[in-house]
PDB file of N, CA and C in Angstrom:
ATOM      1  N   UNK A   1      -1.840 -35.070  -1.493  1.00  0.00           N
ATOM      2  CA  UNK A   1      -2.849 -34.522   0.016  1.00  0.00           C
ATOM      3  C   UNK A   1      -1.896 -33.694   1.184  1.00  0.00           C
ATOM      4  N   UNK A   2      -0.878 -33.832   0.247  1.00  0.00           N
ATOM      5  CA  UNK A   2      -0.546 -32.829   1.747  1.00  0.00           C
ATOM      6  C   UNK A   2      -0.609 -31.478   2.059  1.00  0.00           C
ATOM      7  N   UNK A   3      -0.878 -30.854   0.627  1.00  0.00           N
ATOM      8  CA  UNK A   3      -0.808 -29.020   0.313  1.00  0.00           C
ATOM      9  C   UNK A   3      -2.372 -29.178   0.643  1.00  0.00           C
ATOM     10  N   UNK A   4      -3.064 -30.299   1.017  1.00  0.00           N
ATOM     11  CA  UNK A   4      -4.846 -29.903   1.323  1.00  0.00           C
ATOM     12  C   UNK A   4      -4.676 -29.374   2.794  1.00  0.00           C
ATOM     13  N   UNK A   5      -4.031 -30.813   3.382  1.00  0.00           N
ATOM     14  CA  UNK A   5      -3.496 -31.245   4.668  1.00  0.00           C
ATOM     15  C   UNK A   5      -3.046 -29.325   5.274  1.00  0.00           C
ATOM     16  N   UNK A   6      -2.291 -29.126   4.699  1.00  0.00           N
ATOM     17  CA  UNK A   6      -0.953 -28.195   5.076  1.00  0.00           C
ATOM     18  C   UNK A   6      -2.336 -26.781   5.081  1.00  0.00           C
ATOM     19  N   UNK A   7      -2.563 -26.744   3.863  1.00  0.00           N
ATOM     20  CA  UNK A   7      -4.033 -25.324   3.891  1.00  0.00           C
ATOM     21  C   UNK A   7      -4.783 -25.598   3.991  1.00  0.00           C
ATOM     22  N   UNK A   8      -5.083 -26.439   5.186  1.00  0.00           N
ATOM     23  CA  UNK A   8      -6.382 -26.628   6.251  1.00  0.00           C
ATOM     24  C   UNK A   8      -5.649 -26.119   7.533  1.00  0.00           C
ATOM     25  N   UNK A   9      -4.280 -26.540   8.187  1.00  0.00           N
ATOM     26  CA  UNK A   9      -4.151 -26.163   9.308  1.00  0.00           C
ATOM     27  C   UNK A   9      -3.559 -25.194  10.301  1.00  0.00           C
ATOM     28  N   UNK A  10      -4.468 -23.739   8.995  1.00  0.00           N
ATOM     29  CA  UNK A  10      -4.652 -22.464   8.946  1.00  0.00           C
ATOM     30  C   UNK A  10      -6.104 -21.820   9.667  1.00  0.00           C
ATOM     31  N   UNK A  11      -6.190 -21.380  10.924  1.00  0.00           N
ATOM     32  CA  UNK A  11      -7.742 -20.769  11.596  1.00  0.00           C
ATOM     33  C   UNK A  11      -8.600 -20.399   9.573  1.00  0.00           C
ATOM     34  N   UNK A  12      -7.821 -19.131   9.315  1.00  0.00           N
ATOM     35  CA  UNK A  12      -8.147 -18.692   8.294  1.00  0.00           C
ATOM     36  C   UNK A  12      -8.461 -19.184   7.108  1.00  0.00           C
ATOM     37  N   UNK A  13      -8.205 -20.254   7.120  1.00  0.00           N
ATOM     38  CA  UNK A  13      -8.805 -20.769   5.855  1.00  0.00           C
ATOM     39  C   UNK A  13      -9.609 -21.841   6.115  1.00  0.00           C
ATOM     40  N   UNK A  14      -9.498 -22.162   7.033  1.00  0.00           N
ATOM     41  CA  UNK A  14     -10.546 -22.930   7.038  1.00  0.00           C
ATOM     42  C   UNK A  14     -11.817 -21.757   7.601  1.00  0.00           C
ATOM     43  N   UNK A  15     -12.054 -21.287   8.071  1.00  0.00           N
ATOM     44  CA  UNK A  15     -13.145 -20.444   7.761  1.00  0.00           C
ATOM     45  C   UNK A  15     -13.204 -20.162   6.534  1.00  0.00           C
ATOM     46  N   UNK A  16     -12.480 -19.576   5.715  1.00  0.00           N
ATOM     47  CA  UNK A  16     -13.232 -19.036   3.945  1.00  0.00           C
ATOM     48  C   UNK A  16     -13.256 -21.118   3.574  1.00  0.00           C
ATOM     49  N   UNK A  17     -13.453 -21.574   3.659  1.00  0.00           N
ATOM     50  CA  UNK A  17     -13.905 -22.539   3.166  1.00  0.00           C
ATOM     51  C   UNK A  17     -15.070 -23.066   3.788  1.00  0.00           C
ATOM     52  N   UNK A  18     -15.391 -22.768   4.982  1.00  0.00           N
ATOM     53  CA  UNK A  18     -16.625 -23.178   5.737  1.00  0.00           C
ATOM     54  C   UNK A  18     -17.611 -21.519   4.677  1.00  0.00           C
ATOM     55  N   UNK A  19     -16.934 -20.653   4.900  1.00  0.00           N
ATOM     56  CA  UNK A  19     -17.670 -19.786   4.015  1.00  0.00           C
ATOM     57  C   UNK A  19     -18.223 -19.926   2.971  1.00  0.00           C
ATOM     58  N   UNK A  20     -17.180 -20.796   2.028  1.00  0.00           N
ATOM     59  CA  UNK A  20     -17.520 -20.784   0.413  1.00  0.00           C
ATOM     60  C   UNK A  20     -18.358 -22.001   0.213  1.00  0.00           C
ATOM     61  N   UNK A  21     -18.599 -22.778   1.794  1.00  0.00           N
ATOM     62  CA  UNK A  21     -19.748 -23.985   1.660  1.00  0.00           C
ATOM     63  C   UNK A  21     -20.908 -23.330   1.526  1.00  0.00           C
ATOM     64  N   UNK A  22     -21.327 -22.253   1.280  1.00  0.00           N
ATOM     65  CA  UNK A  22     -22.830 -21.900   1.624  1.00  0.00           C
ATOM     66  C   UNK A  22     -22.343 -21.291   0.032  1.00  0.00           C
ATOM     67  N   UNK A  23     -21.735 -21.101  -0.329  1.00  0.00           N
ATOM     68  CA  UNK A  23     -21.646 -20.438  -2.026  1.00  0.00           C
ATOM     69  C   UNK A  23     -20.074 -19.760  -2.530  1.00  0.00           C
ATOM     70  N   UNK A  24     -20.031 -19.427  -4.023  1.00  0.00           N
ATOM     71  CA  UNK A  24     -19.800 -19.224  -4.297  1.00  0.00           C
ATOM     72  C   UNK A  24     -18.822 -16.762  -3.709  1.00  0.00           C
ATOM     73  N   UNK A  25     -18.096 -16.464  -3.432  1.00  0.00           N
ATOM     74  CA  UNK A  25     -18.136 -15.379  -3.227  1.00  0.00           C
ATOM     75  C   UNK A  25     -16.872 -14.449  -3.499  1.00  0.00           C
ATOM     76  N   UNK A  26     -17.166 -13.280  -3.769  1.00  0.00           N
ATOM     77  CA  UNK A  26     -16.067 -12.142  -4.684  1.00  0.00           C
ATOM     78  C   UNK A  26     -14.748 -11.828  -3.664  1.00  0.00           C
ATOM     79  N   UNK A  27     -13.695 -11.876  -3.711  1.00  0.00           N
ATOM     80  CA  UNK A  27     -12.370 -11.499  -2.852  1.00  0.00           C
ATOM     81  C   UNK A  27     -13.078 -11.271  -1.643  1.00  0.00           C
ATOM     82  N   UNK A  28     -13.362  -9.775  -2.658  1.00  0.00           N
ATOM     83  CA  UNK A  28     -13.648  -8.813  -1.694  1.00  0.00           C
ATOM     84  C   UNK A  28     -14.776  -8.984  -0.860  1.00  0.00           C
ATOM     85  N   UNK A  29     -15.112  -9.953  -0.561  1.00  0.00           N
ATOM     86  CA  UNK A  29     -16.384 -10.424   0.192  1.00  0.00           C
ATOM     87  C   UNK A  29     -16.162 -12.162   1.499  1.00  0.00           C
ATOM     88  N   UNK A  30     -14.866 -12.004   1.084  1.00  0.00           N
ATOM     89  CA  UNK A  30     -14.415 -13.052   2.090  1.00  0.00           C
ATOM     90  C   UNK A  30     -13.249 -12.197   2.595  1.00  0.00           C
ATOM     91  N   UNK A  31     -12.550 -10.787   2.327  1.00  0.00           N
ATOM     92  CA  UNK A  31     -11.784 -10.051   3.074  1.00  0.00           C
ATOM     93  C   UNK A  31     -12.408  -9.654   3.927  1.00  0.00           C
ATOM     94  N   UNK A  32     -13.656  -8.697   3.312  1.00  0.00           N
ATOM     95  CA  UNK A  32     -14.355  -8.061   4.627  1.00  0.00           C
ATOM     96  C   UNK A  32     -14.928  -8.901   5.399  1.00  0.00           C
ATOM     97  N   UNK A  33     -14.949  -9.630   5.572  1.00  0.00           N
ATOM     98  CA  UNK A  33     -15.121 -10.890   7.005  1.00  0.00           C
ATOM     99  C   UNK A  33     -14.534 -10.747   7.852  1.00  0.00           C
ATOM    100  N   UNK A  34     -13.066 -10.951   7.666  1.00  0.00           N
ATOM    101  CA  UNK A  34     -11.362 -10.573   8.148  1.00  0.00           C
ATOM    102  C   UNK A  34     -11.109  -9.122   8.488  1.00  0.00           C
ATOM    103  N   UNK A  35     -10.569  -9.011   9.794  1.00  0.00           N
ATOM    104  CA  UNK A  35      -9.949  -7.724   9.925  1.00  0.00           C
ATOM    105  C   UNK A  35      -8.246  -8.053   9.931  1.00  0.00           C
ATOM    106  N   UNK A  36      -7.602  -8.057   8.550  1.00  0.00           N
ATOM    107  CA  UNK A  36      -6.426  -8.389   7.826  1.00  0.00           C
ATOM    108  C   UNK A  36      -6.117  -8.203   6.596  1.00  0.00           C
ATOM    109  N   UNK A  37      -4.799  -7.599   6.284  1.00  0.00           N
ATOM    110  CA  UNK A  37      -4.592  -7.140   5.437  1.00  0.00           C
ATOM    111  C   UNK A  37      -5.059  -7.884   4.170  1.00  0.00           C
ATOM    112  N   UNK A  38      -5.131  -7.334   2.218  1.00  0.00           N
ATOM    113  CA  UNK A  38      -5.923  -7.985   2.036  1.00  0.00           C
ATOM    114  C   UNK A  38      -4.785  -8.460   1.187  1.00  0.00           C
ATOM    115  N   UNK A  39      -2.878  -8.483   1.389  1.00  0.00           N
ATOM    116  CA  UNK A  39      -2.030  -9.648   0.848  1.00  0.00           C
ATOM    117  C   UNK A  39      -2.226 -10.124   1.825  1.00  0.00           C
ATOM    118  N   UNK A  40      -2.852 -10.475   3.069  1.00  0.00           N
ATOM    119  CA  UNK A  40      -2.772 -11.925   4.593  1.00  0.00           C
ATOM    120  C   UNK A  40      -3.511 -12.840   3.488  1.00  0.00           C
ATOM    121  N   UNK A  41      -4.871 -11.980   3.029  1.00  0.00           N
ATOM    122  CA  UNK A  41      -6.154 -13.016   2.634  1.00  0.00           C
ATOM    123  C   UNK A  41      -5.895 -13.249   1.659  1.00  0.00           C
ATOM    124  N   UNK A  42      -5.244 -12.527   0.068  1.00  0.00           N
ATOM    125  CA  UNK A  42      -5.132 -13.186  -1.027  1.00  0.00           C
ATOM    126  C   UNK A  42      -3.921 -13.917  -0.485  1.00  0.00           C
ATOM    127  N   UNK A  43      -3.314 -14.102   0.620  1.00  0.00           N
ATOM    128  CA  UNK A  43      -1.530 -15.141   0.361  1.00  0.00           C
ATOM    129  C   UNK A  43      -2.982 -16.210   1.364  1.00  0.00           C
ATOM    130  N   UNK A  44      -4.211 -16.586   2.226  1.00  0.00           N
ATOM    131  CA  UNK A  44      -4.683 -17.400   1.821  1.00  0.00           C
ATOM    132  C   UNK A  44      -5.659 -18.673   1.053  1.00  0.00           C
ATOM    133  N   UNK A  45      -5.972 -16.646  -0.137  1.00  0.00           N
ATOM    134  CA  UNK A  45      -6.632 -17.395  -1.068  1.00  0.00           C
ATOM    135  C   UNK A  45      -5.708 -18.338  -1.673  1.00  0.00           C
ATOM    136  N   UNK A  46      -4.651 -17.749  -2.312  1.00  0.00           N
ATOM    137  CA  UNK A  46      -3.576 -18.674  -3.041  1.00  0.00           C
ATOM    138  C   UNK A  46      -2.966 -20.108  -1.994  1.00  0.00           C
ATOM    139  N   UNK A  47      -3.209 -20.003  -1.048  1.00  0.00           N
ATOM    140  CA  UNK A  47      -3.120 -21.688  -0.590  1.00  0.00           C
ATOM    141  C   UNK A  47      -3.818 -22.654  -0.412  1.00  0.00           C
ATOM    142  N   UNK A  48      -5.284 -21.999  -0.811  1.00  0.00           N
ATOM    143  CA  UNK A  48      -6.604 -22.948  -0.691  1.00  0.00           C
ATOM    144  C   UNK A  48      -6.143 -22.984  -2.147  1.00  0.00           C
ATOM    145  N   UNK A  49      -6.434 -22.357  -2.374  1.00  0.00           N
ATOM    146  CA  UNK A  49      -6.033 -22.423  -4.091  1.00  0.00           C
ATOM    147  C   UNK A  49      -4.809 -23.454  -4.724  1.00  0.00           C
ATOM    148  N   UNK A  50      -3.672 -23.557  -4.759  1.00  0.00           N
ATOM    149  CA  UNK A  50      -2.118 -24.042  -4.828  1.00  0.00           C
ATOM    150  C   UNK A  50      -2.827 -25.891  -4.470  1.00  0.00           C
ATOM    151  N   UNK A  51      -4.109 -25.447  -3.258  1.00  0.00           N
ATOM    152  CA  UNK A  51      -3.578 -27.051  -2.772  1.00  0.00           C
ATOM    153  C   UNK A  51      -5.066 -27.982  -4.034  1.00  0.00           C
ATOM    154  N   UNK A  52      -6.148 -26.958  -4.284  1.00  0.00           N
ATOM    155  CA  UNK A  52      -6.682 -28.038  -5.393  1.00  0.00           C
ATOM    156  C   UNK A  52      -8.487 -27.331  -4.096  1.00  0.00           C
ATOM    157  N   UNK A  53      -8.490 -26.785  -2.804  1.00  0.00           N
ATOM    158  CA  UNK A  53      -9.418 -26.331  -2.626  1.00  0.00           C
ATOM    159  C   UNK A  53     -10.822 -25.860  -3.283  1.00  0.00           C
ATOM    160  N   UNK A  54     -10.393 -24.459  -3.723  1.00  0.00           N
ATOM    161  CA  UNK A  54     -10.823 -23.668  -3.975  1.00  0.00           C
ATOM    162  C   UNK A  54     -10.427 -22.792  -5.583  1.00  0.00           C
ATOM    163  N   UNK A  55     -11.854 -22.546  -6.494  1.00  0.00           N
ATOM    164  CA  UNK A  55     -11.393 -22.865  -8.120  1.00  0.00           C
ATOM    165  C   UNK A  55     -11.589 -20.836  -8.218  1.00  0.00           C
ATOM    166  N   UNK A  56     -10.700 -20.097  -9.650  1.00  0.00           N
ATOM    167  CA  UNK A  56     -11.022 -19.356  -8.685  1.00  0.00           C
ATOM    168  C   UNK A  56     -11.542 -18.031  -9.974  1.00  0.00           C
ATOM    169  N   UNK A  57     -12.110 -17.698 -10.386  1.00  0.00           N
ATOM    170  CA  UNK A  57     -12.880 -17.134 -11.524  1.00  0.00           C
ATOM    171  C   UNK A  57     -12.991 -15.574 -12.236  1.00  0.00           C
ATOM    172  N   UNK A  58     -12.428 -15.010 -12.858  1.00  0.00           N
ATOM    173  CA  UNK A  58     -13.051 -13.782 -13.035  1.00  0.00           C
ATOM    174  C   UNK A  58     -14.032 -13.143 -12.816  1.00  0.00           C
ATOM    175  N   UNK A  59     -14.985 -12.683 -12.573  1.00  0.00           N
ATOM    176  CA  UNK A  59     -15.964 -11.894 -12.445  1.00  0.00           C
ATOM    177  C   UNK A  59     -16.027  -9.901 -12.945  1.00  0.00           C
ATOM    178  N   UNK A  60     -15.937 -10.185 -14.188  1.00  0.00           N
ATOM    179  CA  UNK A  60     -15.650  -8.782 -14.076  1.00  0.00           C
ATOM    180  C   UNK A  60     -14.277  -8.270 -13.998  1.00  0.00           C
ATOM    181  N   UNK A  61     -14.655  -7.060 -12.509  1.00  0.00           N
ATOM    182  CA  UNK A  61     -13.156  -6.586 -12.292  1.00  0.00           C
ATOM    183  C   UNK A  61     -13.282  -7.012 -10.889  1.00  0.00           C
ATOM    184  N   UNK A  62     -13.648  -8.228 -10.417  1.00  0.00           N
ATOM    185  CA  UNK A  62     -13.276  -8.669  -8.820  1.00  0.00           C
ATOM    186  C   UNK A  62     -13.257 -10.481  -9.138  1.00  0.00           C
ATOM    187  N   UNK A  63     -12.851 -11.137  -8.549  1.00  0.00           N
ATOM    188  CA  UNK A  63     -12.388 -12.715  -8.536  1.00  0.00           C
ATOM    189  C   UNK A  63     -13.294 -13.900  -7.983  1.00  0.00           C
ATOM    190  N   UNK A  64     -13.882 -14.358  -8.367  1.00  0.00           N
ATOM    191  CA  UNK A  64     -15.253 -15.121  -7.596  1.00  0.00           C
ATOM    192  C   UNK A  64     -14.606 -16.509  -6.277  1.00  0.00           C
ATOM    193  N   UNK A  65     -13.993 -16.525  -5.873  1.00  0.00           N
ATOM    194  CA  UNK A  65     -13.808 -18.126  -4.714  1.00  0.00           C
ATOM    195  C   UNK A  65     -15.112 -18.562  -4.818  1.00  0.00           C
ATOM    196  N   UNK A  66     -14.670 -20.268  -5.197  1.00  0.00           N
ATOM    197  CA  UNK A  66     -15.825 -21.526  -5.007  1.00  0.00           C
ATOM    198  C   UNK A  66     -15.584 -22.832  -4.778  1.00  0.00           C
ATOM    199  N   UNK A  67     -15.709 -23.556  -3.015  1.00  0.00           N
ATOM    200  CA  UNK A  67     -14.842 -24.647  -2.897  1.00  0.00           C
ATOM    201  C   UNK A  67     -14.931 -25.574  -4.432  1.00  0.00           C
ATOM    202  N   UNK A  68     -14.815 -26.292  -4.050  1.00  0.00           N
ATOM    203  CA  UNK A  68     -13.642 -27.206  -5.144  1.00  0.00           C
ATOM    204  C   UNK A  68     -14.326 -28.654  -4.426  1.00  0.00           C
ATOM    205  N   UNK A  69     -15.741 -29.070  -4.679  1.00  0.00           N
ATOM    206  CA  UNK A  69     -16.261 -29.731  -3.959  1.00  0.00           C
ATOM    207  C   UNK A  69     -15.389 -31.361  -4.161  1.00  0.00           C
ATOM    208  N   UNK A  70     -15.012 -32.006  -5.252  1.00  0.00           N
ATOM    209  CA  UNK A  70     -14.256 -33.350  -5.175  1.00  0.00           C
ATOM    210  C   UNK A  70     -12.886 -33.324  -4.610  1.00  0.00           C
ATOM    211  N   UNK A  71     -11.912 -31.667  -3.926  1.00  0.00           N
ATOM    212  CA  UNK A  71     -11.194 -32.373  -3.389  1.00  0.00           C
ATOM    213  C   UNK A  71     -10.918 -32.071  -1.674  1.00  0.00           C
ATOM    214  N   UNK A  72     -12.239 -31.054  -1.740  1.00  0.00           N
ATOM    215  CA  UNK A  72     -12.554 -31.255  -0.560  1.00  0.00           C
ATOM    216  C   UNK A  72     -13.557 -32.775   0.275  1.00  0.00           C
ATOM    217  N   UNK A  73     -14.332 -33.330  -0.623  1.00  0.00           N
ATOM    218  CA  UNK A  73     -14.556 -34.950  -0.228  1.00  0.00           C
ATOM    219  C   UNK A  73     -13.663 -35.856   0.212  1.00  0.00           C
ATOM    220  N   UNK A  74     -12.585 -35.468  -1.283  1.00  0.00           N
ATOM    221  CA  UNK A  74     -11.127 -36.265  -1.044  1.00  0.00           C
ATOM    222  C   UNK A  74     -10.747 -36.183   0.197  1.00  0.00           C
ATOM    223  N   UNK A  75     -10.685 -35.474   0.628  1.00  0.00           N
ATOM    224  CA  UNK A  75      -9.675 -35.020   1.353  1.00  0.00           C
ATOM    225  C   UNK A  75     -10.863 -35.999   2.935  1.00  0.00           C
ATOM    226  N   UNK A  76     -11.829 -35.638   2.433  1.00  0.00           N
ATOM    227  CA  UNK A  76     -12.566 -36.529   4.041  1.00  0.00           C
ATOM    228  C   UNK A  76     -12.147 -37.835   4.094  1.00  0.00           C
ATOM    229  N   UNK A  77     -12.799 -38.051   2.562  1.00  0.00           N
ATOM    230  CA  UNK A  77     -12.500 -39.465   2.799  1.00  0.00           C
ATOM    231  C   UNK A  77     -11.180 -40.079   3.038  1.00  0.00           C
ATOM    232  N   UNK A  78     -10.284 -40.096   3.225  1.00  0.00           N
ATOM    233  CA  UNK A  78      -8.526 -39.599   2.897  1.00  0.00           C
ATOM    234  C   UNK A  78      -9.121 -40.027   4.885  1.00  0.00           C
ATOM    235  N   UNK A  79      -9.315 -38.978   5.646  1.00  0.00           N
ATOM    236  CA  UNK A  79      -9.855 -38.736   6.511  1.00  0.00           C
ATOM    237  C   UNK A  79     -10.553 -39.505   7.434  1.00  0.00           C
ATOM    238  N   UNK A  80     -11.579 -40.309   6.962  1.00  0.00           N
ATOM    239  CA  UNK A  80     -11.975 -41.078   7.095  1.00  0.00           C
ATOM    240  C   UNK A  80     -11.879 -42.184   7.322  1.00  0.00           C
ATOM    241  N   UNK A  81     -10.880 -42.410   6.304  1.00  0.00           N
ATOM    242  CA  UNK A  81     -10.400 -43.654   5.991  1.00  0.00           C
ATOM    243  C   UNK A  81      -8.732 -43.578   7.773  1.00  0.00           C
ATOM    244  N   UNK A  82      -8.654 -42.993   8.011  1.00  0.00           N
ATOM    245  CA  UNK A  82      -7.223 -43.004   8.951  1.00  0.00           C
ATOM    246  C   UNK A  82      -8.452 -42.975   9.925  1.00  0.00           C
ATOM    247  N   UNK A  83      -9.511 -42.517  10.352  1.00  0.00           N
ATOM    248  CA  UNK A  83      -9.856 -42.693  11.136  1.00  0.00           C
ATOM    249  C   UNK A  83     -10.719 -44.822  11.706  1.00  0.00           C
ATOM    250  N   UNK A  84     -10.784 -45.399  10.327  1.00  0.00           N
ATOM    251  CA  UNK A  84     -11.359 -46.315  10.401  1.00  0.00           C
ATOM    252  C   UNK A  84     -12.746 -46.534  10.152  1.00  0.00           C
ATOM    253  N   UNK A  85     -13.184 -45.441   9.946  1.00  0.00           N
ATOM    254  CA  UNK A  85     -14.461 -45.565   9.477  1.00  0.00           C
ATOM    255  C   UNK A  85     -15.202 -44.661   8.336  1.00  0.00           C
ATOM    256  N   UNK A  86     -15.923 -45.273   7.281  1.00  0.00           N
ATOM    257  CA  UNK A  86     -16.810 -45.025   5.859  1.00  0.00           C
ATOM    258  C   UNK A  86     -16.599 -45.728   5.290  1.00  0.00           C
ATOM    259  N   UNK A  87     -16.726 -45.170   4.317  1.00  0.00           N
ATOM    260  CA  UNK A  87     -16.710 -46.344   2.494  1.00  0.00           C
ATOM    261  C   UNK A  87     -15.409 -46.002   1.979  1.00  0.00           C
ATOM    262  N   UNK A  88     -14.812 -45.375   2.504  1.00  0.00           N
ATOM    263  CA  UNK A  88     -14.039 -45.832   1.840  1.00  0.00           C
ATOM    264  C   UNK A  88     -12.609 -46.744   1.299  1.00  0.00           C
ATOM    265  N   UNK A  89     -12.042 -47.375   0.729  1.00  0.00           N
ATOM    266  CA  UNK A  89     -11.466 -48.438   0.441  1.00  0.00           C
ATOM    267  C   UNK A  89     -10.466 -48.709   0.940  1.00  0.00           C
ATOM    268  N   UNK A  90     -10.136 -49.953   1.805  1.00  0.00           N
ATOM    269  CA  UNK A  90      -8.682 -49.445   3.322  1.00  0.00           C
ATOM    270  C   UNK A  90      -7.507 -49.784   2.554  1.00  0.00           C
ATOM    271  N   UNK A  91      -6.002 -49.858   2.437  1.00  0.00           N
ATOM    272  CA  UNK A  91      -5.359 -50.357   1.803  1.00  0.00           C
ATOM    273  C   UNK A  91      -5.103 -51.873   2.282  1.00  0.00           C
ATOM    274  N   UNK A  92      -4.301 -52.438   1.242  1.00  0.00           N
ATOM    275  CA  UNK A  92      -5.126 -54.384   1.088  1.00  0.00           C
ATOM    276  C   UNK A  92      -3.635 -54.337   2.722  1.00  0.00           C
ATOM    277  N   UNK A  93      -3.929 -55.608   3.856  1.00  0.00           N
ATOM    278  CA  UNK A  93      -3.055 -55.494   4.532  1.00  0.00           C
ATOM    279  C   UNK A  93      -2.074 -57.181   3.828  1.00  0.00           C
ATOM    280  N   UNK A  94      -1.016 -56.045   5.031  1.00  0.00           N
ATOM    281  CA  UNK A  94      -0.363 -57.494   4.990  1.00  0.00           C
ATOM    282  C   UNK A  94       0.027 -58.831   5.340  1.00  0.00           C
ATOM    283  N   UNK A  95       0.480 -59.318   4.246  1.00  0.00           N
ATOM    284  CA  UNK A  95       0.726 -61.078   5.206  1.00  0.00           C
ATOM    285  C   UNK A  95       1.227 -61.619   5.844  1.00  0.00           C
ATOM    286  N   UNK A  96       1.409 -61.738   6.974  1.00  0.00           N
ATOM    287  CA  UNK A  96       2.249 -61.725   7.935  1.00  0.00           C
ATOM    288  C   UNK A  96       2.783 -63.716   8.877  1.00  0.00           C
ATOM    289  N   UNK A  97       3.631 -63.928   8.129  1.00  0.00           N
ATOM    290  CA  UNK A  97       3.862 -65.013   8.357  1.00  0.00           C
ATOM    291  C   UNK A  97       3.204 -65.617   9.747  1.00  0.00           C
TER     292      UNK A  97
END
């Protein structure tokens, strides 16, 4: 879970996740949305991939990225649990004398 939150700590990576919520995108289309060098975008995509938030698949000569919904849902459920809301099952309470 720490990798997920570390990946989401950067605003560019959060923007990429928001873009991928609309559907899969090629790495070129993702890179075109930002004014930064290709290796920088690749680093952000790799951080999201390492955290399990996105999946990459070859599409001819390019790579298409898609959001891994289950990983995103797990992170949201964890945050909702921390905030005391949602359907996530809370951890057992300690019995204090």
